Amino acid sequence: MTDNTIQRLVAAIKAGDVDTFRGSLTPDFATDMTPKAVAALFEQLSPAMAAGYSLHALGSLQQDGMTVHIYKISLKDGGNDLLLRAVMDSDKISGLLITNPLQ
C-alpha cells in the first residue's frame, strides 16, 4: 500500500493536482500543509518532473518509533535526483520531506 500511496502523491505533484496530493495525506498533515506550502512545493518540483521521472524504493528506517520510507526520484530532465522520505499512517502520509541530497 505504501508504494501505491507514494506513486499517487508523486504523480499528483507532477500534475499539480492539489486534491489528489491532499487526499494522500492524513487529515492532520493535510491541515499542516498550508495552500502556500503546497503551491511552493508544486512550483519547485512540477516543472522539473514535467519531462518525466522514475521512482525507486530505497528502503526504510526506524526513527523515533516511526517507520520512515525512503524513495529516490530520478528526473528525466537531467536534473539532480531527489530523496523522498515519508512517514505513513495506514495508507496515508503523515510526514513528508523531499530534498536534493546534495543540499
N, C-alpha and C. Protein backbone atom coordinates (compact mmCIF):
# COMPACT_ATOMS: atom_id res chain seq x y z
N MET A 1 0.83 -1.20 0.00
CA MET A 1 0.00 0.00 0.00
C MET A 1 0.87 1.26 0.00
N THR A 2 2.01 1.20 0.68
CA THR A 2 2.89 2.37 0.76
C THR A 2 3.32 2.80 -0.63
N ASP A 3 3.77 1.85 -1.46
CA ASP A 3 4.23 2.21 -2.80
C ASP A 3 3.13 2.89 -3.61
N ASN A 4 1.90 2.38 -3.54
CA ASN A 4 0.79 2.98 -4.27
C ASN A 4 0.52 4.41 -3.81
N THR A 5 0.55 4.62 -2.51
CA THR A 5 0.32 5.97 -1.97
C THR A 5 1.41 6.93 -2.42
N ILE A 6 2.66 6.49 -2.35
CA ILE A 6 3.78 7.35 -2.76
C ILE A 6 3.70 7.63 -4.26
N GLN A 7 3.40 6.62 -5.05
CA GLN A 7 3.26 6.82 -6.50
C GLN A 7 2.16 7.83 -6.81
N ARG A 8 1.04 7.71 -6.12
CA ARG A 8 -0.09 8.64 -6.32
C ARG A 8 0.31 10.07 -5.92
N LEU A 9 1.02 10.20 -4.81
CA LEU A 9 1.47 11.51 -4.34
C LEU A 9 2.43 12.16 -5.34
N VAL A 10 3.42 11.42 -5.80
CA VAL A 10 4.41 11.96 -6.72
C VAL A 10 3.76 12.32 -8.05
N ALA A 11 2.85 11.49 -8.53
CA ALA A 11 2.12 11.81 -9.77
C ALA A 11 1.30 13.09 -9.60
N ALA A 12 0.72 13.28 -8.43
CA ALA A 12 -0.05 14.49 -8.15
C ALA A 12 0.85 15.73 -8.16
N ILE A 13 2.05 15.59 -7.62
CA ILE A 13 2.99 16.72 -7.64
C ILE A 13 3.34 17.06 -9.09
N LYS A 14 3.65 16.06 -9.90
CA LYS A 14 3.99 16.31 -11.31
C LYS A 14 2.84 17.03 -12.02
N ALA A 15 1.61 16.58 -11.76
CA ALA A 15 0.44 17.12 -12.46
C ALA A 15 -0.07 18.42 -11.84
N GLY A 16 0.43 18.78 -10.67
CA GLY A 16 -0.09 19.96 -9.97
C GLY A 16 -1.49 19.73 -9.45
N ASP A 17 -1.81 18.49 -9.12
CA ASP A 17 -3.15 18.08 -8.68
C ASP A 17 -3.25 18.18 -7.16
N VAL A 18 -3.72 19.33 -6.70
CA VAL A 18 -3.79 19.60 -5.26
C VAL A 18 -4.73 18.63 -4.55
N ASP A 19 -5.87 18.31 -5.14
CA ASP A 19 -6.84 17.43 -4.47
C ASP A 19 -6.28 16.03 -4.24
N THR A 20 -5.63 15.47 -5.26
CA THR A 20 -5.04 14.13 -5.09
C THR A 20 -3.88 14.19 -4.11
N PHE A 21 -3.08 15.24 -4.18
CA PHE A 21 -1.98 15.41 -3.24
C PHE A 21 -2.52 15.41 -1.80
N ARG A 22 -3.49 16.27 -1.53
CA ARG A 22 -4.05 16.36 -0.18
C ARG A 22 -4.75 15.07 0.23
N GLY A 23 -5.35 14.37 -0.74
CA GLY A 23 -6.01 13.10 -0.45
C GLY A 23 -5.06 11.99 -0.04
N SER A 24 -3.77 12.16 -0.33
CA SER A 24 -2.75 11.19 0.05
C SER A 24 -2.25 11.39 1.48
N LEU A 25 -2.64 12.51 2.09
CA LEU A 25 -2.15 12.88 3.42
C LEU A 25 -3.17 12.56 4.51
N THR A 26 -2.68 12.36 5.73
CA THR A 26 -3.59 12.23 6.86
C THR A 26 -4.29 13.58 7.05
N PRO A 27 -5.46 13.59 7.66
CA PRO A 27 -6.16 14.87 7.87
C PRO A 27 -5.30 15.91 8.62
N ASP A 28 -4.58 15.48 9.66
CA ASP A 28 -3.75 16.41 10.41
C ASP A 28 -2.63 16.99 9.55
N PHE A 29 -1.97 16.13 8.77
CA PHE A 29 -0.88 16.61 7.92
C PHE A 29 -1.42 17.49 6.79
N ALA A 30 -2.57 17.15 6.25
CA ALA A 30 -3.19 17.98 5.21
C ALA A 30 -3.48 19.38 5.75
N THR A 31 -3.90 19.46 7.00
CA THR A 31 -4.16 20.76 7.63
C THR A 31 -2.85 21.54 7.80
N ASP A 32 -1.79 20.83 8.17
CA ASP A 32 -0.49 21.48 8.36
C ASP A 32 0.10 22.00 7.04
N MET A 33 -0.23 21.34 5.95
CA MET A 33 0.26 21.75 4.63
C MET A 33 -0.61 22.88 4.11
N THR A 34 -0.22 24.10 4.41
CA THR A 34 -1.00 25.27 4.01
C THR A 34 -1.04 25.37 2.48
N PRO A 35 -2.04 26.07 1.94
CA PRO A 35 -2.07 26.28 0.50
C PRO A 35 -0.77 26.90 -0.04
N LYS A 36 -0.17 27.80 0.73
CA LYS A 36 1.08 28.42 0.34
C LYS A 36 2.21 27.38 0.26
N ALA A 37 2.27 26.46 1.23
CA ALA A 37 3.30 25.42 1.24
C ALA A 37 3.12 24.46 0.07
N VAL A 38 1.88 24.09 -0.22
CA VAL A 38 1.61 23.18 -1.34
C VAL A 38 1.97 23.88 -2.66
N ALA A 39 1.60 25.14 -2.79
CA ALA A 39 1.92 25.89 -4.02
C ALA A 39 3.44 25.98 -4.21
N ALA A 40 4.17 26.22 -3.15
CA ALA A 40 5.63 26.31 -3.23
C ALA A 40 6.24 24.97 -3.64
N LEU A 41 5.73 23.89 -3.08
CA LEU A 41 6.21 22.55 -3.43
C LEU A 41 5.97 22.28 -4.91
N PHE A 42 4.74 22.54 -5.37
CA PHE A 42 4.40 22.31 -6.77
C PHE A 42 5.23 23.20 -7.69
N GLU A 43 5.40 24.45 -7.31
CA GLU A 43 6.15 25.40 -8.14
C GLU A 43 7.59 24.95 -8.32
N GLN A 44 8.15 24.37 -7.29
CA GLN A 44 9.54 23.94 -7.34
C GLN A 44 9.70 22.61 -8.07
N LEU A 45 8.79 21.66 -7.85
CA LEU A 45 9.01 20.31 -8.36
C LEU A 45 8.27 19.98 -9.65
N SER A 46 7.08 20.51 -9.85
CA SER A 46 6.30 20.14 -11.04
C SER A 46 7.04 20.41 -12.35
N PRO A 47 7.67 21.57 -12.54
CA PRO A 47 8.39 21.79 -13.80
C PRO A 47 9.53 20.79 -14.02
N ALA A 48 10.25 20.47 -12.98
CA ALA A 48 11.36 19.52 -13.10
C ALA A 48 10.86 18.12 -13.43
N MET A 49 9.65 17.81 -13.01
CA MET A 49 9.08 16.48 -13.24
C MET A 49 8.33 16.38 -14.56
N ALA A 50 8.11 17.51 -15.23
CA ALA A 50 7.30 17.54 -16.45
C ALA A 50 7.84 16.62 -17.54
N ALA A 51 9.15 16.50 -17.65
CA ALA A 51 9.75 15.64 -18.66
C ALA A 51 9.68 14.16 -18.29
N GLY A 52 9.23 13.89 -17.09
CA GLY A 52 9.11 12.52 -16.61
C GLY A 52 10.04 12.26 -15.43
N TYR A 53 9.82 11.15 -14.80
CA TYR A 53 10.62 10.77 -13.65
C TYR A 53 10.48 9.26 -13.45
N SER A 54 11.37 8.71 -12.67
CA SER A 54 11.20 7.33 -12.20
C SER A 54 11.32 7.35 -10.69
N LEU A 55 10.60 6.45 -10.08
CA LEU A 55 10.52 6.39 -8.62
C LEU A 55 11.04 5.03 -8.16
N HIS A 56 11.99 5.04 -7.23
CA HIS A 56 12.62 3.81 -6.76
C HIS A 56 12.58 3.75 -5.23
N ALA A 57 12.01 2.70 -4.70
CA ALA A 57 12.02 2.50 -3.24
C ALA A 57 13.44 2.11 -2.82
N LEU A 58 13.96 2.78 -1.81
CA LEU A 58 15.31 2.52 -1.31
C LEU A 58 15.32 1.75 0.00
N GLY A 59 14.20 1.71 0.68
CA GLY A 59 14.14 1.02 1.96
C GLY A 59 13.44 1.85 3.00
N SER A 60 13.69 1.52 4.24
CA SER A 60 13.05 2.26 5.33
C SER A 60 13.99 2.32 6.53
N LEU A 61 13.72 3.29 7.39
CA LEU A 61 14.47 3.49 8.63
C LEU A 61 13.50 3.55 9.80
N GLN A 62 13.94 3.12 10.95
CA GLN A 62 13.18 3.30 12.17
C GLN A 62 13.73 4.53 12.87
N GLN A 63 12.89 5.53 13.07
CA GLN A 63 13.31 6.75 13.74
C GLN A 63 12.21 7.21 14.68
N ASP A 64 12.57 7.40 15.95
CA ASP A 64 11.63 7.89 16.97
C ASP A 64 10.34 7.08 16.99
N GLY A 65 10.45 5.77 16.84
CA GLY A 65 9.29 4.88 16.91
C GLY A 65 8.45 4.86 15.65
N MET A 66 8.90 5.51 14.59
CA MET A 66 8.16 5.54 13.32
C MET A 66 9.00 4.90 12.22
N THR A 67 8.31 4.38 11.22
CA THR A 67 8.99 3.87 10.04
C THR A 67 9.00 4.97 8.98
N VAL A 68 10.20 5.33 8.54
CA VAL A 68 10.36 6.34 7.50
C VAL A 68 10.70 5.60 6.21
N HIS A 69 9.84 5.73 5.20
CA HIS A 69 10.04 5.10 3.90
C HIS A 69 10.83 6.06 3.02
N ILE A 70 11.84 5.51 2.33
CA ILE A 70 12.76 6.34 1.56
C ILE A 70 12.69 5.94 0.08
N TYR A 71 12.55 6.96 -0.77
CA TYR A 71 12.47 6.77 -2.22
C TYR A 71 13.41 7.72 -2.93
N LYS A 72 13.89 7.29 -4.08
CA LYS A 72 14.67 8.16 -4.96
C LYS A 72 13.78 8.53 -6.14
N ILE A 73 13.73 9.83 -6.45
CA ILE A 73 13.03 10.31 -7.63
C ILE A 73 14.11 10.74 -8.63
N SER A 74 14.21 10.01 -9.75
CA SER A 74 15.17 10.36 -10.79
C SER A 74 14.43 11.16 -11.86
N LEU A 75 14.90 12.36 -12.10
CA LEU A 75 14.25 13.26 -13.05
C LEU A 75 14.78 13.02 -14.46
N LYS A 76 13.87 12.91 -15.42
CA LYS A 76 14.25 12.64 -16.81
C LYS A 76 14.81 13.89 -17.50
N ASP A 77 14.66 15.07 -16.87
CA ASP A 77 15.19 16.29 -17.49
C ASP A 77 16.69 16.45 -17.24
N GLY A 78 17.30 15.47 -16.59
CA GLY A 78 18.73 15.52 -16.32
C GLY A 78 19.09 16.23 -15.03
N GLY A 79 18.08 16.72 -14.31
CA GLY A 79 18.34 17.39 -13.04
C GLY A 79 18.78 16.40 -11.97
N ASN A 80 19.19 16.94 -10.85
CA ASN A 80 19.62 16.10 -9.73
C ASN A 80 18.48 15.21 -9.24
N ASP A 81 18.84 14.00 -8.82
CA ASP A 81 17.86 13.12 -8.19
C ASP A 81 17.36 13.78 -6.91
N LEU A 82 16.17 13.38 -6.51
CA LEU A 82 15.57 13.86 -5.27
C LEU A 82 15.43 12.70 -4.31
N LEU A 83 15.48 12.99 -3.03
CA LEU A 83 15.28 12.00 -1.98
C LEU A 83 13.96 12.31 -1.29
N LEU A 84 13.05 11.34 -1.29
CA LEU A 84 11.74 11.50 -0.66
C LEU A 84 11.71 10.63 0.59
N ARG A 85 11.34 11.22 1.70
CA ARG A 85 11.15 10.49 2.96
C ARG A 85 9.72 10.71 3.40
N ALA A 86 9.03 9.60 3.69
CA ALA A 86 7.62 9.69 4.08
C ALA A 86 7.35 8.79 5.28
N VAL A 87 6.56 9.32 6.20
CA VAL A 87 6.05 8.55 7.33
C VAL A 87 4.61 8.23 7.02
N MET A 88 4.23 6.97 7.17
CA MET A 88 2.89 6.52 6.83
C MET A 88 2.08 6.25 8.08
N ASP A 89 0.78 6.51 7.98
CA ASP A 89 -0.19 6.15 9.00
C ASP A 89 -1.29 5.41 8.25
N SER A 90 -1.26 4.09 8.32
CA SER A 90 -2.11 3.22 7.49
C SER A 90 -1.77 3.49 6.04
N ASP A 91 -2.72 3.96 5.25
CA ASP A 91 -2.46 4.20 3.83
C ASP A 91 -2.34 5.68 3.49
N LYS A 92 -2.09 6.51 4.50
CA LYS A 92 -1.95 7.95 4.30
C LYS A 92 -0.58 8.41 4.80
N ILE A 93 -0.11 9.52 4.23
CA ILE A 93 1.19 10.08 4.60
C ILE A 93 0.99 11.07 5.74
N SER A 94 1.74 10.86 6.83
CA SER A 94 1.62 11.75 7.99
C SER A 94 2.85 12.65 8.15
N GLY A 95 3.85 12.45 7.30
CA GLY A 95 5.04 13.29 7.31
C GLY A 95 5.76 13.12 5.99
N LEU A 96 6.31 14.20 5.46
CA LEU A 96 6.92 14.16 4.14
C LEU A 96 8.08 15.16 4.06
N LEU A 97 9.19 14.71 3.46
CA LEU A 97 10.32 15.58 3.20
C LEU A 97 10.90 15.17 1.86
N ILE A 98 10.99 16.11 0.92
CA ILE A 98 11.61 15.86 -0.38
C ILE A 98 12.77 16.84 -0.52
N THR A 99 13.97 16.29 -0.73
CA THR A 99 15.16 17.12 -0.78
C THR A 99 16.07 16.72 -1.93
N ASN A 100 16.93 17.65 -2.29
CA ASN A 100 18.06 17.36 -3.15
C ASN A 100 19.13 16.86 -2.19
N PRO A 101 19.59 15.63 -2.33
CA PRO A 101 20.53 15.09 -1.34
C PRO A 101 21.82 15.86 -1.19
N LEU A 102 22.17 16.70 -2.16
CA LEU A 102 23.42 17.46 -2.08
C LEU A 102 23.24 18.80 -1.41
N GLN A 103 22.01 19.18 -1.09
CA GLN A 103 21.80 20.48 -0.46
C GLN A 103 21.44 20.34 0.98
